Amino acid sequence: MNGLPDQVELPGFVVVEGPIGVGKTSLVKRLADHFRGETLLEAAEENPFLQRFYENPRESAFPAQLFFLFQRSQQMSDLQQGDMFRQRLIADFMLEKDRLFAQINLDPEEMKLYEQVYERMTLQAPAPDLVVYLQAPVDVLLERIRRRSRPQERTIDRDYLQRLCDAYTEFFYFYERSPLLIINAAAINPLESEADFQLLVNHICAEGPQRRYLNPMPLLL
């Protein structure tokens, strides 16, 4: 029993996006479990350059970014070859994010070379039925990163996270390819609160305008 009316259904292909520490992957896994869907997840731990990038961004940004580009392109290729026809698929990344990270991390000459590789390798990923964009202030992200204590993330600093949040904000300000649900992830805790999870599910499953918002107001005591 999932506690939802029978007519409430998850869109067929949902992408959950947002900056590091906002809770994308955990939410995707809970949604997939709740709706008995399948997941398409980033495998950042497979990137052999990621730890070196966090320790020395200038030296390792380019190989780390190229690894992610190859990895994500392969995942999109697999998706186009049949995985997209699953009844419900929930992903914790979209292909467009790769260029977003590249623009932050690469110098101009590296970016030129990256663009050449990107144009040759990337496929047109299928458009999601819904994109869920999780937002949170940098202080909240830093605290969540600290709590989950992943070794490779210990050197992430405020400035990098702020630039990443700004890049996401700008990207989604102009995003029009799919319906977009923007969620204030600092005001809702769908991983620990069943009420918050049900609220989020209802918004994800509801029909509405192309761009929607979920910004729960805190209770006044």
N, C-alpha and C. Protein backbone atom coordinates (compact mmCIF):
# COMPACT_ATOMS: atom_id res chain seq x y z
N MET A 1 0.85 -1.20 0.00
CA MET A 1 0.00 0.00 0.00
C MET A 1 0.88 1.24 0.00
N ASN A 2 0.62 2.18 -0.87
CA ASN A 2 1.44 3.40 -0.89
C ASN A 2 0.70 4.61 -0.39
N GLY A 3 -0.57 4.44 0.00
CA GLY A 3 -1.31 5.56 0.59
C GLY A 3 -1.79 6.58 -0.41
N LEU A 4 -1.66 6.30 -1.72
CA LEU A 4 -2.07 7.26 -2.73
C LEU A 4 -3.32 6.77 -3.43
N PRO A 5 -4.16 7.68 -3.90
CA PRO A 5 -5.31 7.26 -4.69
C PRO A 5 -4.87 6.52 -5.94
N ASP A 6 -5.73 5.61 -6.44
CA ASP A 6 -5.37 4.80 -7.58
C ASP A 6 -5.04 5.63 -8.81
N GLN A 7 -5.69 6.80 -8.97
CA GLN A 7 -5.49 7.57 -10.17
C GLN A 7 -4.19 8.35 -10.17
N VAL A 8 -3.51 8.44 -9.05
CA VAL A 8 -2.24 9.18 -8.98
C VAL A 8 -1.14 8.30 -9.52
N GLU A 9 -0.50 8.74 -10.59
CA GLU A 9 0.55 7.97 -11.22
C GLU A 9 1.78 8.83 -11.45
N LEU A 10 2.93 8.20 -11.34
CA LEU A 10 4.19 8.87 -11.61
C LEU A 10 4.36 9.01 -13.12
N PRO A 11 4.81 10.17 -13.61
CA PRO A 11 5.12 10.26 -15.04
C PRO A 11 6.13 9.19 -15.45
N GLY A 12 6.11 8.81 -16.73
CA GLY A 12 6.92 7.67 -17.17
C GLY A 12 8.41 7.86 -17.00
N PHE A 13 8.93 9.06 -17.29
CA PHE A 13 10.37 9.32 -17.21
C PHE A 13 10.56 10.61 -16.42
N VAL A 14 11.09 10.46 -15.22
CA VAL A 14 11.30 11.60 -14.31
C VAL A 14 12.79 11.76 -14.06
N VAL A 15 13.26 13.00 -14.11
CA VAL A 15 14.65 13.32 -13.76
C VAL A 15 14.64 14.22 -12.53
N VAL A 16 15.45 13.87 -11.54
CA VAL A 16 15.64 14.71 -10.35
C VAL A 16 17.03 15.32 -10.46
N GLU A 17 17.10 16.65 -10.43
CA GLU A 17 18.37 17.35 -10.58
C GLU A 17 18.58 18.38 -9.47
N GLY A 18 19.82 18.85 -9.37
CA GLY A 18 20.17 19.85 -8.38
C GLY A 18 21.63 19.73 -8.00
N PRO A 19 22.15 20.68 -7.22
CA PRO A 19 23.57 20.71 -6.90
C PRO A 19 23.99 19.59 -5.95
N ILE A 20 25.28 19.43 -5.78
CA ILE A 20 25.85 18.43 -4.88
C ILE A 20 25.29 18.61 -3.47
N GLY A 21 24.84 17.51 -2.87
CA GLY A 21 24.38 17.55 -1.49
C GLY A 21 22.90 17.82 -1.31
N VAL A 22 22.18 18.06 -2.39
CA VAL A 22 20.77 18.43 -2.26
C VAL A 22 19.86 17.23 -2.04
N GLY A 23 20.35 16.01 -2.31
CA GLY A 23 19.56 14.83 -2.03
C GLY A 23 18.94 14.16 -3.24
N LYS A 24 19.52 14.35 -4.42
CA LYS A 24 18.95 13.80 -5.65
C LYS A 24 18.83 12.28 -5.62
N THR A 25 19.96 11.63 -5.39
CA THR A 25 20.00 10.17 -5.52
C THR A 25 19.13 9.49 -4.48
N SER A 26 19.16 9.99 -3.25
CA SER A 26 18.34 9.39 -2.19
C SER A 26 16.86 9.52 -2.52
N LEU A 27 16.47 10.67 -3.06
CA LEU A 27 15.07 10.86 -3.43
C LEU A 27 14.69 9.95 -4.60
N VAL A 28 15.56 9.83 -5.59
CA VAL A 28 15.28 8.95 -6.73
C VAL A 28 15.06 7.51 -6.25
N LYS A 29 15.90 7.05 -5.35
CA LYS A 29 15.76 5.68 -4.86
C LYS A 29 14.46 5.50 -4.10
N ARG A 30 14.06 6.51 -3.31
CA ARG A 30 12.81 6.37 -2.56
C ARG A 30 11.61 6.41 -3.51
N LEU A 31 11.65 7.27 -4.50
CA LEU A 31 10.56 7.31 -5.48
C LEU A 31 10.46 6.00 -6.24
N ALA A 32 11.60 5.45 -6.64
CA ALA A 32 11.58 4.19 -7.37
C ALA A 32 11.03 3.06 -6.51
N ASP A 33 11.39 3.04 -5.25
CA ASP A 33 10.87 2.02 -4.35
C ASP A 33 9.36 2.19 -4.14
N HIS A 34 8.93 3.43 -3.99
CA HIS A 34 7.53 3.73 -3.74
C HIS A 34 6.65 3.34 -4.93
N PHE A 35 7.12 3.65 -6.14
CA PHE A 35 6.33 3.42 -7.35
C PHE A 35 6.73 2.14 -8.09
N ARG A 36 7.66 1.39 -7.50
CA ARG A 36 8.15 0.17 -8.15
C ARG A 36 8.68 0.47 -9.53
N GLY A 37 9.41 1.57 -9.63
CA GLY A 37 10.04 1.94 -10.89
C GLY A 37 11.50 1.53 -10.91
N GLU A 38 12.17 1.86 -12.00
CA GLU A 38 13.59 1.57 -12.13
C GLU A 38 14.37 2.87 -12.12
N THR A 39 15.64 2.76 -11.76
CA THR A 39 16.48 3.95 -11.61
C THR A 39 17.55 4.01 -12.69
N LEU A 40 17.92 5.22 -13.04
CA LEU A 40 19.09 5.50 -13.87
C LEU A 40 19.95 6.46 -13.07
N LEU A 41 21.07 5.97 -12.55
CA LEU A 41 21.85 6.72 -11.58
C LEU A 41 23.24 7.04 -12.11
N GLU A 42 23.71 8.23 -11.73
CA GLU A 42 25.12 8.53 -11.94
C GLU A 42 25.97 7.56 -11.13
N ALA A 43 27.14 7.27 -11.64
CA ALA A 43 28.06 6.41 -10.91
C ALA A 43 29.35 7.19 -10.70
N ALA A 44 29.24 8.26 -9.91
CA ALA A 44 30.39 9.14 -9.71
C ALA A 44 31.57 8.40 -9.09
N GLU A 45 31.27 7.39 -8.27
CA GLU A 45 32.34 6.66 -7.60
C GLU A 45 33.21 5.89 -8.59
N GLU A 46 32.75 5.71 -9.83
CA GLU A 46 33.54 5.00 -10.83
C GLU A 46 34.55 5.91 -11.52
N ASN A 47 34.44 7.22 -11.30
CA ASN A 47 35.35 8.17 -11.95
C ASN A 47 36.69 8.18 -11.21
N PRO A 48 37.76 7.66 -11.83
CA PRO A 48 39.04 7.57 -11.13
C PRO A 48 39.71 8.92 -10.91
N PHE A 49 39.20 9.96 -11.56
CA PHE A 49 39.81 11.29 -11.44
C PHE A 49 39.09 12.18 -10.44
N LEU A 50 37.96 11.71 -9.90
CA LEU A 50 37.14 12.59 -9.08
C LEU A 50 37.83 13.00 -7.78
N GLN A 51 38.43 12.04 -7.09
CA GLN A 51 39.13 12.36 -5.85
C GLN A 51 40.25 13.35 -6.12
N ARG A 52 41.00 13.15 -7.20
CA ARG A 52 42.08 14.07 -7.54
C ARG A 52 41.54 15.45 -7.91
N PHE A 53 40.35 15.47 -8.54
CA PHE A 53 39.76 16.76 -8.87
C PHE A 53 39.44 17.57 -7.62
N TYR A 54 38.82 16.93 -6.63
CA TYR A 54 38.48 17.65 -5.41
C TYR A 54 39.73 18.11 -4.66
N GLU A 55 40.81 17.35 -4.78
CA GLU A 55 42.06 17.74 -4.10
C GLU A 55 42.81 18.81 -4.87
N ASN A 56 42.76 18.73 -6.20
CA ASN A 56 43.49 19.69 -7.05
C ASN A 56 42.65 19.95 -8.31
N PRO A 57 41.64 20.81 -8.20
CA PRO A 57 40.71 21.02 -9.32
C PRO A 57 41.39 21.45 -10.61
N ARG A 58 42.36 22.33 -10.52
CA ARG A 58 42.98 22.85 -11.73
C ARG A 58 43.70 21.76 -12.52
N GLU A 59 44.30 20.83 -11.82
CA GLU A 59 45.10 19.80 -12.49
C GLU A 59 44.24 18.68 -13.06
N SER A 60 43.13 18.34 -12.41
CA SER A 60 42.38 17.13 -12.79
C SER A 60 40.99 17.41 -13.35
N ALA A 61 40.65 18.67 -13.55
CA ALA A 61 39.29 18.98 -14.03
C ALA A 61 39.01 18.37 -15.39
N PHE A 62 39.94 18.47 -16.31
CA PHE A 62 39.68 18.02 -17.68
C PHE A 62 39.49 16.51 -17.78
N PRO A 63 40.40 15.68 -17.25
CA PRO A 63 40.14 14.23 -17.33
C PRO A 63 38.90 13.80 -16.56
N ALA A 64 38.63 14.44 -15.43
CA ALA A 64 37.42 14.10 -14.67
C ALA A 64 36.17 14.41 -15.48
N GLN A 65 36.19 15.56 -16.17
CA GLN A 65 35.02 15.95 -16.95
C GLN A 65 34.83 15.05 -18.17
N LEU A 66 35.93 14.68 -18.82
CA LEU A 66 35.83 13.80 -19.97
C LEU A 66 35.30 12.42 -19.57
N PHE A 67 35.73 11.92 -18.41
CA PHE A 67 35.23 10.62 -17.95
C PHE A 67 33.72 10.68 -17.77
N PHE A 68 33.24 11.74 -17.11
CA PHE A 68 31.79 11.88 -16.92
C PHE A 68 31.07 11.99 -18.26
N LEU A 69 31.66 12.72 -19.21
CA LEU A 69 31.02 12.86 -20.52
C LEU A 69 30.88 11.50 -21.20
N PHE A 70 31.95 10.70 -21.21
CA PHE A 70 31.89 9.38 -21.83
C PHE A 70 30.86 8.50 -21.10
N GLN A 71 30.89 8.56 -19.77
CA GLN A 71 29.98 7.73 -18.98
C GLN A 71 28.52 8.10 -19.23
N ARG A 72 28.21 9.38 -19.18
CA ARG A 72 26.83 9.81 -19.36
C ARG A 72 26.34 9.57 -20.78
N SER A 73 27.23 9.75 -21.76
CA SER A 73 26.85 9.49 -23.15
C SER A 73 26.49 8.02 -23.34
N GLN A 74 27.26 7.14 -22.70
CA GLN A 74 26.96 5.72 -22.81
C GLN A 74 25.61 5.39 -22.16
N GLN A 75 25.35 6.01 -21.02
CA GLN A 75 24.07 5.78 -20.35
C GLN A 75 22.90 6.26 -21.21
N MET A 76 23.07 7.41 -21.87
CA MET A 76 22.01 7.90 -22.74
C MET A 76 21.85 7.01 -23.97
N SER A 77 22.95 6.48 -24.48
CA SER A 77 22.87 5.55 -25.61
C SER A 77 22.09 4.31 -25.22
N ASP A 78 22.38 3.76 -24.05
CA ASP A 78 21.64 2.60 -23.56
C ASP A 78 20.16 2.92 -23.41
N LEU A 79 19.88 4.14 -22.93
CA LEU A 79 18.49 4.55 -22.73
C LEU A 79 17.75 4.60 -24.06
N GLN A 80 18.40 5.16 -25.07
CA GLN A 80 17.75 5.27 -26.38
C GLN A 80 17.52 3.91 -27.03
N GLN A 81 18.33 2.93 -26.66
CA GLN A 81 18.24 1.62 -27.29
C GLN A 81 17.21 0.71 -26.64
N GLY A 82 16.41 1.26 -25.72
CA GLY A 82 15.34 0.44 -25.21
C GLY A 82 14.93 0.68 -23.78
N ASP A 83 15.86 1.16 -22.94
CA ASP A 83 15.52 1.33 -21.53
C ASP A 83 14.41 2.35 -21.32
N MET A 84 14.29 3.31 -22.24
CA MET A 84 13.29 4.36 -22.06
C MET A 84 11.86 3.82 -22.17
N PHE A 85 11.69 2.58 -22.62
CA PHE A 85 10.36 2.02 -22.76
C PHE A 85 9.90 1.29 -21.51
N ARG A 86 10.71 1.34 -20.45
CA ARG A 86 10.24 0.82 -19.18
C ARG A 86 9.04 1.63 -18.72
N GLN A 87 8.22 1.00 -17.86
CA GLN A 87 6.99 1.68 -17.44
C GLN A 87 7.29 2.95 -16.66
N ARG A 88 8.24 2.88 -15.72
CA ARG A 88 8.62 4.05 -14.95
C ARG A 88 10.14 4.06 -14.80
N LEU A 89 10.75 5.17 -15.16
CA LEU A 89 12.19 5.32 -15.04
C LEU A 89 12.47 6.64 -14.35
N ILE A 90 13.32 6.61 -13.31
CA ILE A 90 13.64 7.80 -12.54
C ILE A 90 15.15 7.96 -12.51
N ALA A 91 15.64 9.10 -12.95
CA ALA A 91 17.08 9.35 -13.07
C ALA A 91 17.52 10.46 -12.13
N ASP A 92 18.79 10.39 -11.70
CA ASP A 92 19.32 11.45 -10.84
C ASP A 92 20.27 12.38 -11.59
N PHE A 93 20.15 12.41 -12.93
CA PHE A 93 20.95 13.34 -13.72
C PHE A 93 20.31 13.51 -15.08
N MET A 94 20.65 14.60 -15.74
CA MET A 94 20.28 14.82 -17.13
C MET A 94 21.57 15.13 -17.90
N LEU A 95 21.59 14.77 -19.17
CA LEU A 95 22.81 14.91 -19.95
C LEU A 95 23.29 16.36 -20.01
N GLU A 96 22.37 17.30 -20.02
CA GLU A 96 22.74 18.71 -20.14
C GLU A 96 23.63 19.19 -19.00
N LYS A 97 23.57 18.50 -17.85
CA LYS A 97 24.37 18.95 -16.71
C LYS A 97 25.86 18.83 -16.99
N ASP A 98 26.25 17.95 -17.92
CA ASP A 98 27.67 17.74 -18.15
C ASP A 98 28.34 19.02 -18.63
N ARG A 99 27.68 19.70 -19.59
CA ARG A 99 28.25 20.96 -20.06
C ARG A 99 28.22 22.02 -18.96
N LEU A 100 27.20 21.99 -18.13
CA LEU A 100 27.11 22.95 -17.02
C LEU A 100 28.33 22.83 -16.11
N PHE A 101 28.69 21.61 -15.72
CA PHE A 101 29.86 21.40 -14.87
C PHE A 101 31.14 21.77 -15.62
N ALA A 102 31.19 21.45 -16.91
CA ALA A 102 32.39 21.78 -17.69
C ALA A 102 32.62 23.29 -17.72
N GLN A 103 31.57 24.06 -17.87
CA GLN A 103 31.72 25.52 -17.92
C GLN A 103 32.26 26.08 -16.61
N ILE A 104 31.97 25.42 -15.52
CA ILE A 104 32.46 25.86 -14.22
C ILE A 104 33.92 25.46 -14.01
N ASN A 105 34.27 24.25 -14.44
CA ASN A 105 35.53 23.65 -14.03
C ASN A 105 36.68 23.79 -15.02
N LEU A 106 36.38 24.03 -16.29
CA LEU A 106 37.44 24.04 -17.31
C LEU A 106 37.87 25.45 -17.68
N ASP A 107 39.14 25.58 -18.06
CA ASP A 107 39.61 26.87 -18.55
C ASP A 107 39.19 27.02 -20.01
N PRO A 108 39.33 28.21 -20.61
CA PRO A 108 38.80 28.43 -21.97
C PRO A 108 39.35 27.46 -23.02
N GLU A 109 40.64 27.15 -22.97
CA GLU A 109 41.20 26.24 -23.96
C GLU A 109 40.68 24.82 -23.76
N GLU A 110 40.58 24.39 -22.52
CA GLU A 110 40.01 23.07 -22.24
C GLU A 110 38.56 23.01 -22.68
N MET A 111 37.84 24.11 -22.47
CA MET A 111 36.44 24.14 -22.83
C MET A 111 36.25 24.00 -24.35
N LYS A 112 37.14 24.61 -25.13
CA LYS A 112 37.06 24.48 -26.58
C LYS A 112 37.22 23.02 -27.00
N LEU A 113 38.20 22.35 -26.41
CA LEU A 113 38.42 20.95 -26.73
C LEU A 113 37.26 20.09 -26.25
N TYR A 114 36.76 20.39 -25.05
CA TYR A 114 35.61 19.66 -24.51
C TYR A 114 34.41 19.79 -25.45
N GLU A 115 34.15 20.98 -25.96
CA GLU A 115 33.01 21.20 -26.85
C GLU A 115 33.13 20.36 -28.12
N GLN A 116 34.35 20.22 -28.63
CA GLN A 116 34.54 19.41 -29.83
C GLN A 116 34.21 17.95 -29.54
N VAL A 117 34.67 17.46 -28.39
CA VAL A 117 34.37 16.07 -28.01
C VAL A 117 32.88 15.91 -27.75
N TYR A 118 32.29 16.88 -27.05
CA TYR A 118 30.87 16.83 -26.71
C TYR A 118 30.01 16.73 -27.98
N GLU A 119 30.32 17.54 -28.97
CA GLU A 119 29.54 17.55 -30.20
C GLU A 119 29.64 16.23 -30.95
N ARG A 120 30.76 15.56 -30.85
CA ARG A 120 30.95 14.30 -31.55
C ARG A 120 30.33 13.12 -30.81
N MET A 121 30.25 13.22 -29.48
CA MET A 121 29.89 12.06 -28.68
C MET A 121 28.46 12.05 -28.17
N THR A 122 27.90 13.20 -27.85
CA THR A 122 26.62 13.19 -27.17
C THR A 122 25.48 12.86 -28.11
N LEU A 123 24.48 12.22 -27.54
CA LEU A 123 23.25 11.91 -28.24
C LEU A 123 22.16 12.84 -27.75
N GLN A 124 21.11 12.93 -28.51
CA GLN A 124 19.96 13.70 -28.05
C GLN A 124 19.17 12.83 -27.08
N ALA A 125 19.33 13.10 -25.80
CA ALA A 125 18.65 12.29 -24.80
C ALA A 125 17.13 12.49 -24.91
N PRO A 126 16.35 11.46 -24.63
CA PRO A 126 14.89 11.62 -24.64
C PRO A 126 14.46 12.66 -23.62
N ALA A 127 13.49 13.46 -23.97
CA ALA A 127 13.01 14.50 -23.07
C ALA A 127 12.26 13.87 -21.90
N PRO A 128 12.59 14.25 -20.67
CA PRO A 128 11.83 13.71 -19.52
C PRO A 128 10.38 14.17 -19.56
N ASP A 129 9.50 13.35 -18.98
CA ASP A 129 8.12 13.76 -18.80
C ASP A 129 8.00 14.81 -17.71
N LEU A 130 9.00 14.82 -16.79
CA LEU A 130 9.05 15.83 -15.73
C LEU A 130 10.47 15.92 -15.21
N VAL A 131 10.94 17.15 -14.99
CA VAL A 131 12.21 17.39 -14.30
C VAL A 131 11.89 18.00 -12.94
N VAL A 132 12.43 17.39 -11.89
CA VAL A 132 12.30 17.90 -10.52
C VAL A 132 13.63 18.54 -10.15
N TYR A 133 13.60 19.85 -9.95
CA TYR A 133 14.82 20.60 -9.63
C TYR A 133 14.81 20.94 -8.15
N LEU A 134 15.75 20.35 -7.41
CA LEU A 134 15.86 20.59 -5.97
C LEU A 134 16.83 21.74 -5.72
N GLN A 135 16.37 22.73 -4.99
CA GLN A 135 17.20 23.88 -4.61
C GLN A 135 17.43 23.90 -3.11
N ALA A 136 18.59 24.44 -2.69
CA ALA A 136 18.85 24.65 -1.26
C ALA A 136 19.99 25.64 -1.14
N PRO A 137 20.01 26.44 -0.07
CA PRO A 137 21.12 27.37 0.15
C PRO A 137 22.44 26.63 0.35
N VAL A 138 23.53 27.31 0.10
CA VAL A 138 24.85 26.70 0.21
C VAL A 138 25.10 26.17 1.61
N ASP A 139 24.68 26.89 2.65
CA ASP A 139 24.90 26.42 4.03
C ASP A 139 24.22 25.07 4.26
N VAL A 140 23.03 24.91 3.71
CA VAL A 140 22.31 23.64 3.85
C VAL A 140 23.06 22.54 3.12
N LEU A 141 23.53 22.83 1.92
CA LEU A 141 24.27 21.83 1.15
C LEU A 141 25.55 21.41 1.87
N LEU A 142 26.27 22.38 2.40
CA LEU A 142 27.51 22.07 3.11
C LEU A 142 27.26 21.19 4.32
N GLU A 143 26.18 21.44 5.03
CA GLU A 143 25.85 20.63 6.20
C GLU A 143 25.48 19.21 5.78
N ARG A 144 24.73 19.07 4.71
CA ARG A 144 24.36 17.74 4.25
C ARG A 144 25.58 16.97 3.74
N ILE A 145 26.47 17.65 3.06
CA ILE A 145 27.70 17.02 2.60
C ILE A 145 28.53 16.57 3.79
N ARG A 146 28.58 17.41 4.82
CA ARG A 146 29.34 17.05 6.03
C ARG A 146 28.74 15.83 6.70
N ARG A 147 27.41 15.77 6.78
CA ARG A 147 26.75 14.66 7.46
C ARG A 147 26.95 13.33 6.74
N ARG A 148 26.90 13.35 5.41
CA ARG A 148 27.03 12.07 4.71
C ARG A 148 28.48 11.63 4.60
N SER A 149 29.42 12.55 4.79
CA SER A 149 30.84 12.22 5.02
C SER A 149 31.43 11.30 3.96
N ARG A 150 31.27 11.67 2.70
CA ARG A 150 31.95 10.93 1.64
C ARG A 150 33.38 11.45 1.53
N PRO A 151 34.36 10.58 1.54
CA PRO A 151 35.76 11.03 1.56
C PRO A 151 36.11 11.98 0.42
N GLN A 152 35.61 11.69 -0.78
CA GLN A 152 35.99 12.51 -1.93
C GLN A 152 35.37 13.90 -1.89
N GLU A 153 34.37 14.13 -1.00
CA GLU A 153 33.69 15.42 -0.96
C GLU A 153 34.19 16.32 0.17
N ARG A 154 35.13 15.86 0.94
CA ARG A 154 35.53 16.62 2.12
C ARG A 154 36.20 17.95 1.80
N THR A 155 36.74 18.07 0.61
CA THR A 155 37.43 19.32 0.25
C THR A 155 36.54 20.29 -0.54
N ILE A 156 35.27 19.95 -0.75
CA ILE A 156 34.37 20.87 -1.45
C ILE A 156 34.18 22.12 -0.60
N ASP A 157 34.36 23.28 -1.20
CA ASP A 157 34.27 24.52 -0.41
C ASP A 157 33.05 25.34 -0.81
N ARG A 158 32.81 26.37 -0.05
CA ARG A 158 31.64 27.22 -0.23
C ARG A 158 31.63 27.91 -1.60
N ASP A 159 32.79 28.38 -2.03
CA ASP A 159 32.84 29.11 -3.29
C ASP A 159 32.45 28.22 -4.46
N TYR A 160 32.95 26.99 -4.47
CA TYR A 160 32.61 26.07 -5.55
C TYR A 160 31.12 25.76 -5.55
N LEU A 161 30.57 25.49 -4.38
CA LEU A 161 29.14 25.19 -4.29
C LEU A 161 28.28 26.38 -4.72
N GLN A 162 28.72 27.59 -4.35
CA GLN A 162 27.96 28.78 -4.75
C GLN A 162 27.96 28.95 -6.26
N ARG A 163 29.11 28.73 -6.88
CA ARG A 163 29.17 28.83 -8.34
C ARG A 163 28.30 27.76 -8.99
N LEU A 164 28.29 26.58 -8.39
CA LEU A 164 27.46 25.51 -8.93
C LEU A 164 25.98 25.84 -8.80
N CYS A 165 25.58 26.34 -7.63
CA CYS A 165 24.18 26.73 -7.43
C CYS A 165 23.77 27.83 -8.40
N ASP A 166 24.65 28.80 -8.62
CA ASP A 166 24.35 29.88 -9.56
C ASP A 166 24.19 29.34 -10.98
N ALA A 167 25.04 28.37 -11.34
CA ALA A 167 24.95 27.79 -12.68
C ALA A 167 23.65 27.03 -12.86
N TYR A 168 23.24 26.28 -11.84
CA TYR A 168 21.96 25.57 -11.91
C TYR A 168 20.80 26.55 -12.02
N THR A 169 20.85 27.62 -11.23
CA THR A 169 19.77 28.61 -11.26
C THR A 169 19.63 29.22 -12.64
N GLU A 170 20.75 29.57 -13.24
CA GLU A 170 20.71 30.16 -14.59
C GLU A 170 20.21 29.15 -15.61
N PHE A 171 20.70 27.91 -15.51
CA PHE A 171 20.29 26.88 -16.47
C PHE A 171 18.78 26.67 -16.43
N PHE A 172 18.23 26.50 -15.25
CA PHE A 172 16.81 26.19 -15.16
C PHE A 172 15.93 27.43 -15.35
N TYR A 173 16.50 28.60 -15.23
CA TYR A 173 15.74 29.82 -15.54
C TYR A 173 15.30 29.80 -17.01
N PHE A 174 16.17 29.25 -17.88
CA PHE A 174 15.88 29.23 -19.32
C PHE A 174 15.38 27.87 -19.79
N TYR A 175 15.28 26.90 -18.90
CA TYR A 175 14.95 25.54 -19.32
C TYR A 175 13.47 25.43 -19.73
N GLU A 176 13.21 24.87 -20.92
CA GLU A 176 11.84 24.75 -21.42
C GLU A 176 11.57 23.40 -22.07
N ARG A 177 12.53 22.49 -22.06
CA ARG A 177 12.37 21.25 -22.83
C ARG A 177 11.32 20.33 -22.24
N SER A 178 11.19 20.32 -20.93
CA SER A 178 10.23 19.44 -20.24
C SER A 178 9.51 20.22 -19.16
N PRO A 179 8.35 19.73 -18.71
CA PRO A 179 7.74 20.33 -17.52
C PRO A 179 8.72 20.32 -16.36
N LEU A 180 8.69 21.39 -15.56
CA LEU A 180 9.68 21.58 -14.50
C LEU A 180 8.98 21.85 -13.18
N LEU A 181 9.36 21.07 -12.15
CA LEU A 181 8.88 21.28 -10.79
C LEU A 181 10.06 21.72 -9.95
N ILE A 182 10.04 22.95 -9.46
CA ILE A 182 11.14 23.52 -8.66
C ILE A 182 10.77 23.41 -7.19
N ILE A 183 11.63 22.78 -6.41
CA ILE A 183 11.32 22.48 -5.01
C ILE A 183 12.36 23.13 -4.10
N ASN A 184 11.87 23.81 -3.09
CA ASN A 184 12.74 24.32 -2.03
C ASN A 184 13.09 23.16 -1.12
N ALA A 185 14.24 22.54 -1.36
CA ALA A 185 14.62 21.33 -0.62
C ALA A 185 15.09 21.63 0.79
N ALA A 186 15.25 22.92 1.12
CA ALA A 186 15.61 23.28 2.49
C ALA A 186 14.38 23.32 3.38
N ALA A 187 13.19 23.40 2.77
CA ALA A 187 11.95 23.53 3.54
C ALA A 187 11.15 22.24 3.57
N ILE A 188 11.70 21.18 2.99
CA ILE A 188 10.99 19.91 2.94
C ILE A 188 11.99 18.78 3.11
N ASN A 189 11.60 17.72 3.81
CA ASN A 189 12.50 16.60 4.07
C ASN A 189 11.80 15.29 3.69
N PRO A 190 11.71 15.00 2.38
CA PRO A 190 10.96 13.82 1.95
C PRO A 190 11.64 12.50 2.28
N LEU A 191 12.88 12.55 2.72
CA LEU A 191 13.58 11.31 3.05
C LEU A 191 13.30 10.85 4.47
N GLU A 192 13.00 11.78 5.37
CA GLU A 192 12.78 11.43 6.77
C GLU A 192 11.35 11.69 7.23
N SER A 193 10.62 12.50 6.48
CA SER A 193 9.25 12.82 6.86
C SER A 193 8.28 12.20 5.86
N GLU A 194 7.41 11.32 6.34
CA GLU A 194 6.43 10.70 5.45
C GLU A 194 5.45 11.74 4.92
N ALA A 195 5.08 12.71 5.75
CA ALA A 195 4.17 13.76 5.30
C ALA A 195 4.79 14.58 4.18
N ASP A 196 6.07 14.92 4.34
CA ASP A 196 6.76 15.67 3.29
C ASP A 196 6.88 14.86 2.01
N PHE A 197 7.14 13.57 2.15
CA PHE A 197 7.25 12.72 0.97
C PHE A 197 5.93 12.65 0.22
N GLN A 198 4.82 12.49 0.95
CA GLN A 198 3.51 12.43 0.31
C GLN A 198 3.19 13.77 -0.36
N LEU A 199 3.58 14.86 0.28
CA LEU A 199 3.36 16.18 -0.33
C LEU A 199 4.11 16.30 -1.64
N LEU A 200 5.37 15.86 -1.64
CA LEU A 200 6.17 15.92 -2.85
C LEU A 200 5.60 15.02 -3.94
N VAL A 201 5.21 13.80 -3.56
CA VAL A 201 4.65 12.86 -4.53
C VAL A 201 3.40 13.45 -5.18
N ASN A 202 2.54 14.05 -4.39
CA ASN A 202 1.32 14.64 -4.94
C ASN A 202 1.64 15.73 -5.95
N HIS A 203 2.68 16.53 -5.68
CA HIS A 203 3.06 17.58 -6.63
C HIS A 203 3.70 16.99 -7.88
N ILE A 204 4.49 15.94 -7.73
CA ILE A 204 5.11 15.30 -8.89
C ILE A 204 4.04 14.70 -9.80
N CYS A 205 3.04 14.10 -9.22
CA CYS A 205 2.02 13.39 -9.99
C CYS A 205 0.91 14.29 -10.50
N ALA A 206 0.80 15.48 -9.97
CA ALA A 206 -0.30 16.36 -10.35
C ALA A 206 -0.05 16.98 -11.73
N GLU A 207 -1.12 17.21 -12.45
CA GLU A 207 -1.03 17.95 -13.70
C GLU A 207 -1.01 19.44 -13.37
N GLY A 208 -0.34 20.19 -14.22
CA GLY A 208 -0.26 21.62 -13.95
C GLY A 208 0.46 22.34 -15.07
N PRO A 209 0.85 23.59 -14.84
CA PRO A 209 1.56 24.37 -15.87
C PRO A 209 2.95 23.80 -16.14
N GLN A 210 3.57 24.30 -17.17
CA GLN A 210 4.89 23.83 -17.58
C GLN A 210 5.94 24.03 -16.49
N ARG A 211 5.76 25.06 -15.69
CA ARG A 211 6.71 25.37 -14.61
C ARG A 211 5.92 25.53 -13.31
N ARG A 212 6.26 24.68 -12.32
CA ARG A 212 5.55 24.70 -11.04
C ARG A 212 6.55 24.83 -9.90
N TYR A 213 6.03 25.18 -8.72
CA TYR A 213 6.90 25.39 -7.56
C TYR A 213 6.30 24.69 -6.33
N LEU A 214 7.19 24.19 -5.49
CA LEU A 214 6.79 23.66 -4.18
C LEU A 214 7.71 24.31 -3.16
N ASN A 215 7.14 25.21 -2.39
CA ASN A 215 7.91 25.96 -1.41
C ASN A 215 7.13 26.00 -0.10
N PRO A 216 7.11 24.88 0.63
CA PRO A 216 6.32 24.83 1.88
C PRO A 216 6.78 25.89 2.88
N MET A 217 5.84 26.53 3.50
CA MET A 217 6.16 27.53 4.51
C MET A 217 6.29 26.85 5.86
N PRO A 218 7.30 27.23 6.66
CA PRO A 218 7.43 26.63 8.00
C PRO A 218 6.27 27.02 8.89
N LEU A 219 5.91 26.10 9.77
CA LEU A 219 4.85 26.39 10.72
C LEU A 219 5.32 27.41 11.75
N LEU A 220 4.46 28.34 12.09
CA LEU A 220 4.79 29.34 13.10
C LEU A 220 4.31 28.84 14.46
N LEU A 221 5.23 28.72 15.40
CA LEU A 221 4.87 28.23 16.73
C LEU A 221 4.54 29.39 17.67
